Each structure stands twice: as C-alpha cells, then as structure tokens.
C-alpha cells in the first residue's frame, strides 16, 4: 500500500518539470500551460470530496481496482492529447482519479493492530511523500530524453502493473456504513461546520499546499530562463543546480 500510494500520487506531479516542454510542444505561453497543474490539483480536490467517501460505503479493494481504469484512461488521454485543451481535460481527470492514497491510509489503519497502527499509517504516508517528491526527478529525466508524452505512457504502464499486483495482494475489507451517498457527502459538510479545529487544520493545509504548488510550478520557468538555461533534466542535476543558484 505504501508503494501503491507513492506511485499513484506521483501521477499528479509528473507534469510540473515538463511544463516548459509542453509549452514549446503546443506553442503556448507559460501562463496558459500553468493551467495544467492547476486543473490537476482541482481534480484531486474534487476527487477527495466525491470519490474518497465511497470507501466507507463500498468494498475498498473493488473500489480501488475500478478507479485504476479511470487513472489509466486519463494518463493515456494525456499522452495522446492533440491539443493543450485536451491535455488540460485529461489532467483534471488524472487528479480526479488519483485519490487512491486517501483510501490506502484508512485501510492500513484498519488492518494494523492497535500498537502498530501509527507505524502503518506512517509507512503509507512516507510512500506518499516519496511519490510527490520523486515524481519530479523521474519525469524531469524522462522528459529530457524521451519527451513529455513518454512520461504519461510509462505512468500508464506502471498503473497496469500496480493494478495486477494489488488485485493479488490487497485484502478485502467489508465497510460498515449503511447510509446512502448523499448522507456521506452531507457528513463531510456537517463535520466542517461543527468542528472549528477541523476548519483550522483544513485552512492550514490549504495554505501550505498552495505555497508548495505555487513554488514548484513556477520554478521550472525560472530554471529554463536566463541565467540558468536549464531544462527538465536539471531536476536531477542537484550539484550543478546548486552551483548556479548560488551564483545567482
């Protein structure tokens, strides 16, 4: 589940080092290509609200395996996108469907014993953060050598292999919620209304993540401009990048 969490969440971040390559491919401005990561994150937020609660109603393994179909289709649509607008739509659905890490976390907590629950959740969350950060290194290298479309084809292949592995290894857990989908969504709103600490935590998380996304999305354009003149492969050339940043 930790490996699956990292590999799935990476789908949301492959685009960031590749934005310059995408802009040149479609002959568009930085401001327009920046909509791609924005729409991906909007899709992710929508998926958190609409898809993740289904884990309390439907058997999680079947839900996870079904969602993989949408992830694979969205990744292939991005890889084959003939226009930037198709890529934007595909990016939204990549984010929408790549919310499985938020199903793995409660699943790991449910499977673990009381004394090992914290360690289990920590392992899955570690996989998530490795996927978020490692995805940029991988996509930057592949984009520089094979082109940005190759990254999405490779990601789709990874999702197929992961689907097969999870189908064999992932256990089944029977949910205990007996209400309907509308009640699930309403419960999220009710929790937000009645719990001030939850609202504060949500606001802090939103601001932290907004800062994180703004930095990594715009950094690629800085590195590709003067005086750096560095492409997507710069994301793995840490020593060279450090030297240039120090000079700057």
C-alpha atoms as a PDB file:
ATOM      1  CA  UNK A   1       0.000   0.000   0.000  1.00  0.00           C
ATOM      2  CA  UNK A   2       2.915   2.360   0.706  1.00  0.00           C
ATOM      3  CA  UNK A   3       4.393   1.683  -2.737  1.00  0.00           C
ATOM      4  CA  UNK A   4       0.987   1.989  -4.362  1.00  0.00           C
ATOM      5  CA  UNK A   5       0.369   5.283  -2.593  1.00  0.00           C
ATOM      6  CA  UNK A   6       3.632   6.741  -3.886  1.00  0.00           C
ATOM      7  CA  UNK A   7       3.152   5.524  -7.455  1.00  0.00           C
ATOM      8  CA  UNK A   8      -0.435   6.748  -7.718  1.00  0.00           C
ATOM      9  CA  UNK A   9       0.077  10.170  -6.154  1.00  0.00           C
ATOM     10  CA  UNK A  10       3.057  10.709  -8.484  1.00  0.00           C
ATOM     11  CA  UNK A  11       0.603  10.978 -11.387  1.00  0.00           C
ATOM     12  CA  UNK A  12      -0.447  14.384 -10.074  1.00  0.00           C
ATOM     13  CA  UNK A  13       3.095  15.808 -10.198  1.00  0.00           C
ATOM     14  CA  UNK A  14       4.722  14.422 -13.336  1.00  0.00           C
ATOM     15  CA  UNK A  15       3.589  17.498 -15.266  1.00  0.00           C
ATOM     16  CA  UNK A  16       5.438  20.116 -13.202  1.00  0.00           C
ATOM     17  CA  UNK A  17       9.017  19.695 -14.522  1.00  0.00           C
ATOM     18  CA  UNK A  18       7.588  19.174 -18.016  1.00  0.00           C
ATOM     19  CA  UNK A  19       5.667  22.425 -18.320  1.00  0.00           C
ATOM     20  CA  UNK A  20       8.359  24.078 -20.422  1.00  0.00           C
ATOM     21  CA  UNK A  21       8.422  21.083 -22.787  1.00  0.00           C
ATOM     22  CA  UNK A  22       4.638  21.175 -23.037  1.00  0.00           C
ATOM     23  CA  UNK A  23       4.571  24.917 -23.727  1.00  0.00           C
ATOM     24  CA  UNK A  24       7.039  24.500 -26.607  1.00  0.00           C
ATOM     25  CA  UNK A  25       5.160  21.475 -27.931  1.00  0.00           C
ATOM     26  CA  UNK A  26       1.867  23.353 -28.189  1.00  0.00           C
ATOM     27  CA  UNK A  27       3.426  26.792 -28.867  1.00  0.00           C
ATOM     28  CA  UNK A  28       1.678  28.433 -25.948  1.00  0.00           C
ATOM     29  CA  UNK A  29       2.644  30.873 -23.190  1.00  0.00           C
ATOM     30  CA  UNK A  30       3.733  29.973 -19.671  1.00  0.00           C
ATOM     31  CA  UNK A  31       0.531  31.403 -18.232  1.00  0.00           C
ATOM     32  CA  UNK A  32      -1.576  29.028 -20.314  1.00  0.00           C
ATOM     33  CA  UNK A  33       0.448  25.877 -19.728  1.00  0.00           C
ATOM     34  CA  UNK A  34       0.382  26.603 -15.976  1.00  0.00           C
ATOM     35  CA  UNK A  35      -3.317  25.747 -16.060  1.00  0.00           C
ATOM     36  CA  UNK A  36      -2.344  22.094 -16.418  1.00  0.00           C
ATOM     37  CA  UNK A  37      -1.026  21.589 -12.855  1.00  0.00           C
ATOM     38  CA  UNK A  38      -3.791  23.844 -11.535  1.00  0.00           C
ATOM     39  CA  UNK A  39      -6.507  21.700 -13.137  1.00  0.00           C
ATOM     40  CA  UNK A  40      -4.780  18.551 -11.908  1.00  0.00           C
ATOM     41  CA  UNK A  41      -4.949  19.790  -8.325  1.00  0.00           C
ATOM     42  CA  UNK A  42      -8.550  20.957  -8.735  1.00  0.00           C
ATOM     43  CA  UNK A  43      -9.403  17.477  -9.994  1.00  0.00           C
ATOM     44  CA  UNK A  44      -7.630  15.989  -6.991  1.00  0.00           C
ATOM     45  CA  UNK A  45      -9.665  18.170  -4.615  1.00  0.00           C
ATOM     46  CA  UNK A  46     -12.915  17.169  -6.339  1.00  0.00           C
ATOM     47  CA  UNK A  47     -11.894  13.503  -6.125  1.00  0.00           C
ATOM     48  CA  UNK A  48     -11.210  13.824  -2.410  1.00  0.00           C
ATOM     49  CA  UNK A  49     -14.740  15.108  -1.906  1.00  0.00           C
ATOM     50  CA  UNK A  50     -16.616  12.835  -4.323  1.00  0.00           C
ATOM     51  CA  UNK A  51     -14.650   9.572  -4.524  1.00  0.00           C
ATOM     52  CA  UNK A  52     -12.829   9.040  -1.222  1.00  0.00           C
ATOM     53  CA  UNK A  53     -16.059   8.925   0.878  1.00  0.00           C
ATOM     54  CA  UNK A  54     -17.159   5.948  -1.224  1.00  0.00           C
ATOM     55  CA  UNK A  55     -14.568   3.918   0.671  1.00  0.00           C
ATOM     56  CA  UNK A  56     -16.972   3.934   3.627  1.00  0.00           C
ATOM     57  CA  UNK A  57     -19.815   2.548   1.509  1.00  0.00           C
ATOM     58  CA  UNK A  58     -18.248   0.124  -0.975  1.00  0.00           C
ATOM     59  CA  UNK A  59     -15.686  -2.628  -0.529  1.00  0.00           C
ATOM     60  CA  UNK A  60     -12.384  -0.753  -0.799  1.00  0.00           C
ATOM     61  CA  UNK A  61     -10.455  -3.268  -2.891  1.00  0.00           C
ATOM     62  CA  UNK A  62     -13.105  -3.294  -5.620  1.00  0.00           C
ATOM     63  CA  UNK A  63     -13.345   0.497  -5.490  1.00  0.00           C
ATOM     64  CA  UNK A  64      -9.570   0.877  -5.790  1.00  0.00           C
ATOM     65  CA  UNK A  65      -9.264  -1.573  -8.684  1.00  0.00           C
ATOM     66  CA  UNK A  66     -12.167   0.085 -10.515  1.00  0.00           C
ATOM     67  CA  UNK A  67     -10.625   3.526 -10.086  1.00  0.00           C
ATOM     68  CA  UNK A  68      -7.400   2.313 -11.700  1.00  0.00           C
ATOM     69  CA  UNK A  69      -9.259   2.003 -15.001  1.00  0.00           C
ATOM     70  CA  UNK A  70     -10.029   5.728 -14.956  1.00  0.00           C
ATOM     71  CA  UNK A  71      -6.439   6.569 -13.998  1.00  0.00           C
ATOM     72  CA  UNK A  72      -5.045   4.567 -16.919  1.00  0.00           C
ATOM     73  CA  UNK A  73      -7.511   6.064 -19.409  1.00  0.00           C
ATOM     74  CA  UNK A  74      -6.755   9.600 -18.204  1.00  0.00           C
ATOM     75  CA  UNK A  75      -2.980   9.041 -18.453  1.00  0.00           C
ATOM     76  CA  UNK A  76      -3.285   7.669 -21.976  1.00  0.00           C
ATOM     77  CA  UNK A  77      -5.511  10.596 -22.948  1.00  0.00           C
ATOM     78  CA  UNK A  78      -2.822  12.971 -21.708  1.00  0.00           C
ATOM     79  CA  UNK A  79      -0.097  11.111 -23.601  1.00  0.00           C
ATOM     80  CA  UNK A  80      -2.091  11.249 -26.842  1.00  0.00           C
ATOM     81  CA  UNK A  81      -3.531  14.753 -26.383  1.00  0.00           C
ATOM     82  CA  UNK A  82      -3.614  16.518 -29.797  1.00  0.00           C
ATOM     83  CA  UNK A  83      -4.180  19.956 -28.246  1.00  0.00           C
ATOM     84  CA  UNK A  84      -3.401  21.635 -24.966  1.00  0.00           C
ATOM     85  CA  UNK A  85      -7.111  21.811 -24.139  1.00  0.00           C
ATOM     86  CA  UNK A  86      -7.408  18.028 -24.360  1.00  0.00           C
ATOM     87  CA  UNK A  87      -4.343  17.779 -22.126  1.00  0.00           C
ATOM     88  CA  UNK A  88      -5.972  20.109 -19.618  1.00  0.00           C
ATOM     89  CA  UNK A  89      -9.130  17.999 -19.508  1.00  0.00           C
ATOM     90  CA  UNK A  90      -7.083  14.800 -19.172  1.00  0.00           C
ATOM     91  CA  UNK A  91      -5.034  16.417 -16.386  1.00  0.00           C
ATOM     92  CA  UNK A  92      -8.210  17.229 -14.477  1.00  0.00           C
ATOM     93  CA  UNK A  93      -9.282  13.587 -14.643  1.00  0.00           C
ATOM     94  CA  UNK A  94      -5.794  12.388 -13.681  1.00  0.00           C
ATOM     95  CA  UNK A  95      -6.158  14.406 -10.494  1.00  0.00           C
ATOM     96  CA  UNK A  96      -9.774  13.328 -10.003  1.00  0.00           C
ATOM     97  CA  UNK A  97      -8.947   9.622 -10.180  1.00  0.00           C
ATOM     98  CA  UNK A  98      -5.542   9.644  -8.434  1.00  0.00           C
ATOM     99  CA  UNK A  99      -7.013   9.928  -4.941  1.00  0.00           C
ATOM    100  CA  UNK A 100      -6.394   6.299  -4.020  1.00  0.00           C
ATOM    101  CA  UNK A 101      -3.736   7.194  -1.409  1.00  0.00           C
ATOM    102  CA  UNK A 102      -6.560   8.579   0.722  1.00  0.00           C
ATOM    103  CA  UNK A 103      -8.191   5.154   0.561  1.00  0.00           C
ATOM    104  CA  UNK A 104      -4.973   3.317   1.420  1.00  0.00           C
ATOM    105  CA  UNK A 105      -4.372   5.328   4.611  1.00  0.00           C
ATOM    106  CA  UNK A 106      -7.587   4.323   6.448  1.00  0.00           C
ATOM    107  CA  UNK A 107      -7.247   0.820   5.017  1.00  0.00           C
ATOM    108  CA  UNK A 108      -3.778   0.475   6.548  1.00  0.00           C
ATOM    109  CA  UNK A 109      -5.098   1.804   9.853  1.00  0.00           C
ATOM    110  CA  UNK A 110      -7.928  -0.724   9.838  1.00  0.00           C
ATOM    111  CA  UNK A 111      -5.667  -3.669   9.045  1.00  0.00           C
ATOM    112  CA  UNK A 112      -2.979  -2.848  11.610  1.00  0.00           C
ATOM    113  CA  UNK A 113      -3.100  -3.834  15.267  1.00  0.00           C
ATOM    114  CA  UNK A 114      -3.516  -1.097  17.865  1.00  0.00           C
ATOM    115  CA  UNK A 115       0.177  -0.995  18.772  1.00  0.00           C
ATOM    116  CA  UNK A 116       1.295  -0.877  15.120  1.00  0.00           C
ATOM    117  CA  UNK A 117      -1.386   1.447  13.703  1.00  0.00           C
ATOM    118  CA  UNK A 118       0.785   4.563  13.915  1.00  0.00           C
ATOM    119  CA  UNK A 119       3.680   2.822  12.183  1.00  0.00           C
ATOM    120  CA  UNK A 120       1.383   1.523   9.432  1.00  0.00           C
ATOM    121  CA  UNK A 121      -0.058   4.969   8.737  1.00  0.00           C
ATOM    122  CA  UNK A 122       3.448   6.438   8.839  1.00  0.00           C
ATOM    123  CA  UNK A 123       4.657   3.923   6.258  1.00  0.00           C
ATOM    124  CA  UNK A 124       1.846   4.741   3.854  1.00  0.00           C
ATOM    125  CA  UNK A 125       2.312   8.490   4.322  1.00  0.00           C
ATOM    126  CA  UNK A 126       6.053   8.086   3.732  1.00  0.00           C
ATOM    127  CA  UNK A 127       5.252   6.381   0.436  1.00  0.00           C
ATOM    128  CA  UNK A 128       3.031   9.316  -0.473  1.00  0.00           C
ATOM    129  CA  UNK A 129       5.697  11.952   0.151  1.00  0.00           C
ATOM    130  CA  UNK A 130       8.343   9.936  -1.694  1.00  0.00           C
ATOM    131  CA  UNK A 131       5.969   9.781  -4.649  1.00  0.00           C
ATOM    132  CA  UNK A 132       5.269  13.530  -4.539  1.00  0.00           C
ATOM    133  CA  UNK A 133       8.953  14.457  -4.486  1.00  0.00           C
ATOM    134  CA  UNK A 134      10.385  11.601  -6.544  1.00  0.00           C
ATOM    135  CA  UNK A 135       7.916  12.096  -9.389  1.00  0.00           C
ATOM    136  CA  UNK A 136       9.638  15.346 -10.374  1.00  0.00           C
ATOM    137  CA  UNK A 137      13.045  13.704 -10.646  1.00  0.00           C
ATOM    138  CA  UNK A 138      11.684  10.843 -12.749  1.00  0.00           C
ATOM    139  CA  UNK A 139       9.584  12.985 -15.081  1.00  0.00           C
ATOM    140  CA  UNK A 140      12.347  15.566 -15.492  1.00  0.00           C
ATOM    141  CA  UNK A 141      14.802  12.892 -16.639  1.00  0.00           C
ATOM    142  CA  UNK A 142      12.348  11.117 -18.923  1.00  0.00           C
ATOM    143  CA  UNK A 143      11.086  14.392 -20.375  1.00  0.00           C
ATOM    144  CA  UNK A 144      14.624  15.483 -21.248  1.00  0.00           C
ATOM    145  CA  UNK A 145      15.492  12.207 -23.006  1.00  0.00           C
ATOM    146  CA  UNK A 146      12.216  10.808 -24.331  1.00  0.00           C
ATOM    147  CA  UNK A 147       9.781  13.736 -24.377  1.00  0.00           C
ATOM    148  CA  UNK A 148       6.915  14.651 -22.083  1.00  0.00           C
ATOM    149  CA  UNK A 149       4.411  12.294 -23.732  1.00  0.00           C
ATOM    150  CA  UNK A 150       6.608   9.293 -22.900  1.00  0.00           C
ATOM    151  CA  UNK A 151       6.216  10.038 -19.189  1.00  0.00           C
ATOM    152  CA  UNK A 152       2.449   9.574 -19.407  1.00  0.00           C
ATOM    153  CA  UNK A 153       2.785   6.356 -21.411  1.00  0.00           C
ATOM    154  CA  UNK A 154       5.231   4.997 -18.825  1.00  0.00           C
ATOM    155  CA  UNK A 155       2.940   6.096 -15.979  1.00  0.00           C
ATOM    156  CA  UNK A 156       0.018   4.260 -17.585  1.00  0.00           C
ATOM    157  CA  UNK A 157       2.152   1.114 -17.830  1.00  0.00           C
ATOM    158  CA  UNK A 158       3.120   1.432 -14.173  1.00  0.00           C
ATOM    159  CA  UNK A 159      -0.556   1.693 -13.233  1.00  0.00           C
ATOM    160  CA  UNK A 160      -1.351  -1.506 -15.173  1.00  0.00           C
ATOM    161  CA  UNK A 161       1.383  -3.401 -13.323  1.00  0.00           C
ATOM    162  CA  UNK A 162       0.290  -1.943  -9.986  1.00  0.00           C
ATOM    163  CA  UNK A 163      -3.335  -2.917 -10.696  1.00  0.00           C
ATOM    164  CA  UNK A 164      -2.271  -6.537 -11.240  1.00  0.00           C
ATOM    165  CA  UNK A 165      -0.184  -6.553  -8.061  1.00  0.00           C
ATOM    166  CA  UNK A 166      -2.945  -5.048  -5.913  1.00  0.00           C
ATOM    167  CA  UNK A 167      -5.504  -7.446  -7.358  1.00  0.00           C
ATOM    168  CA  UNK A 168      -3.400 -10.310  -5.986  1.00  0.00           C
ATOM    169  CA  UNK A 169      -2.110  -8.817  -2.739  1.00  0.00           C
ATOM    170  CA  UNK A 170      -4.687  -6.338  -1.462  1.00  0.00           C
ATOM    171  CA  UNK A 171      -7.076  -7.795   1.150  1.00  0.00           C
ATOM    172  CA  UNK A 172     -10.811  -7.225   1.116  1.00  0.00           C
ATOM    173  CA  UNK A 173     -12.463  -5.195   3.869  1.00  0.00           C
ATOM    174  CA  UNK A 174     -16.218  -5.010   4.362  1.00  0.00           C
ATOM    175  CA  UNK A 175     -17.475  -1.468   5.087  1.00  0.00           C
ATOM    176  CA  UNK A 176     -19.900  -0.897   7.941  1.00  0.00           C
ATOM    177  CA  UNK A 177     -21.653   2.254   6.672  1.00  0.00           C
ATOM    178  CA  UNK A 178     -25.306   1.587   5.806  1.00  0.00           C
ATOM    179  CA  UNK A 179     -26.431   5.004   4.552  1.00  0.00           C
ATOM    180  CA  UNK A 180     -26.517   6.411   1.026  1.00  0.00           C
ATOM    181  CA  UNK A 181     -24.037   8.505  -0.956  1.00  0.00           C
ATOM    182  CA  UNK A 182     -25.846  11.749  -0.190  1.00  0.00           C
ATOM    183  CA  UNK A 183     -25.533  11.112   3.535  1.00  0.00           C
ATOM    184  CA  UNK A 184     -21.795  10.512   3.108  1.00  0.00           C
ATOM    185  CA  UNK A 185     -21.290  13.875   1.411  1.00  0.00           C
ATOM    186  CA  UNK A 186     -23.509  15.614   3.940  1.00  0.00           C
ATOM    187  CA  UNK A 187     -21.453  14.174   6.792  1.00  0.00           C
ATOM    188  CA  UNK A 188     -18.332  15.898   5.399  1.00  0.00           C
ATOM    189  CA  UNK A 189     -20.117  19.253   5.385  1.00  0.00           C
ATOM    190  CA  UNK A 190     -21.502  18.640   8.876  1.00  0.00           C
ATOM    191  CA  UNK A 191     -18.040  17.822  10.211  1.00  0.00           C
ATOM    192  CA  UNK A 192     -16.680  21.026   8.697  1.00  0.00           C
ATOM    193  CA  UNK A 193     -19.490  23.126  10.182  1.00  0.00           C
ATOM    194  CA  UNK A 194     -19.378  21.703  13.689  1.00  0.00           C
ATOM    195  CA  UNK A 195     -15.634  21.266  14.285  1.00  0.00           C
ATOM    196  CA  UNK A 196     -13.641  24.533  14.454  1.00  0.00           C
ATOM    197  CA  UNK A 197     -10.333  22.705  14.882  1.00  0.00           C
ATOM    198  CA  UNK A 198     -11.048  20.779  11.708  1.00  0.00           C
ATOM    199  CA  UNK A 199     -11.698  24.035   9.837  1.00  0.00           C
ATOM    200  CA  UNK A 200      -8.428  25.478  11.136  1.00  0.00           C
ATOM    201  CA  UNK A 201      -6.492  22.360  10.128  1.00  0.00           C
ATOM    202  CA  UNK A 202      -8.114  22.447   6.690  1.00  0.00           C
ATOM    203  CA  UNK A 203      -7.169  26.107   6.234  1.00  0.00           C
ATOM    204  CA  UNK A 204      -3.574  25.466   7.290  1.00  0.00           C
ATOM    205  CA  UNK A 205      -3.344  22.505   4.941  1.00  0.00           C
ATOM    206  CA  UNK A 206      -4.787  24.526   2.068  1.00  0.00           C
ATOM    207  CA  UNK A 207      -2.316  27.388   2.561  1.00  0.00           C
ATOM    208  CA  UNK A 208       0.662  25.044   2.966  1.00  0.00           C
ATOM    209  CA  UNK A 209      -0.228  23.075  -0.128  1.00  0.00           C
ATOM    210  CA  UNK A 210      -0.941  26.215  -2.147  1.00  0.00           C
ATOM    211  CA  UNK A 211       2.524  27.558  -1.302  1.00  0.00           C
ATOM    212  CA  UNK A 212       4.096  24.206  -2.165  1.00  0.00           C
ATOM    213  CA  UNK A 213       2.347  24.011  -5.546  1.00  0.00           C
ATOM    214  CA  UNK A 214       2.994  27.631  -6.499  1.00  0.00           C
ATOM    215  CA  UNK A 215       6.721  27.252  -5.821  1.00  0.00           C
ATOM    216  CA  UNK A 216       7.280  24.025  -7.751  1.00  0.00           C
ATOM    217  CA  UNK A 217       5.072  25.035 -10.677  1.00  0.00           C
ATOM    218  CA  UNK A 218       6.801  28.358 -11.338  1.00  0.00           C
ATOM    219  CA  UNK A 219      10.354  27.178 -10.565  1.00  0.00           C
ATOM    220  CA  UNK A 220      10.586  25.313 -13.871  1.00  0.00           C
ATOM    221  CA  UNK A 221      10.170  28.548 -15.843  1.00  0.00           C
ATOM    222  CA  UNK A 222      12.849  30.287 -13.759  1.00  0.00           C
ATOM    223  CA  UNK A 223      15.340  27.476 -14.368  1.00  0.00           C
ATOM    224  CA  UNK A 224      14.689  27.477 -18.112  1.00  0.00           C
ATOM    225  CA  UNK A 225      15.277  31.229 -18.452  1.00  0.00           C
ATOM    226  CA  UNK A 226      18.430  33.346 -18.127  1.00  0.00           C
ATOM    227  CA  UNK A 227      20.884  32.961 -16.438  1.00  0.00           C
ATOM    228  CA  UNK A 228      20.232  29.254 -15.799  1.00  0.00           C
ATOM    229  CA  UNK A 229      19.170  27.898 -19.230  1.00  0.00           C
ATOM    230  CA  UNK A 230      18.375  24.515 -17.686  1.00  0.00           C
ATOM    231  CA  UNK A 231      15.819  22.024 -18.985  1.00  0.00           C
ATOM    232  CA  UNK A 232      13.727  19.435 -17.198  1.00  0.00           C
ATOM    233  CA  UNK A 233      16.791  17.258 -16.586  1.00  0.00           C
ATOM    234  CA  UNK A 234      18.072  19.901 -14.150  1.00  0.00           C
ATOM    235  CA  UNK A 235      15.766  18.386 -11.536  1.00  0.00           C
ATOM    236  CA  UNK A 236      18.268  15.547 -11.075  1.00  0.00           C
ATOM    237  CA  UNK A 237      21.476  17.547 -11.531  1.00  0.00           C
ATOM    238  CA  UNK A 238      21.493  18.784  -7.949  1.00  0.00           C
ATOM    239  CA  UNK A 239      25.173  19.783  -7.743  1.00  0.00           C
ATOM    240  CA  UNK A 240      25.048  21.739 -10.988  1.00  0.00           C
ATOM    241  CA  UNK A 241      21.791  23.383  -9.976  1.00  0.00           C
ATOM    242  CA  UNK A 242      23.119  24.314  -6.523  1.00  0.00           C
ATOM    243  CA  UNK A 243      26.149  25.981  -8.093  1.00  0.00           C
ATOM    244  CA  UNK A 244      24.027  28.042 -10.471  1.00  0.00           C
ATOM    245  CA  UNK A 245      21.600  29.072  -7.774  1.00  0.00           C
ATOM    246  CA  UNK A 246      24.493  30.113  -5.533  1.00  0.00           C
ATOM    247  CA  UNK A 247      25.926  32.225  -8.347  1.00  0.00           C
ATOM    248  CA  UNK A 248      22.510  33.782  -8.970  1.00  0.00           C
END
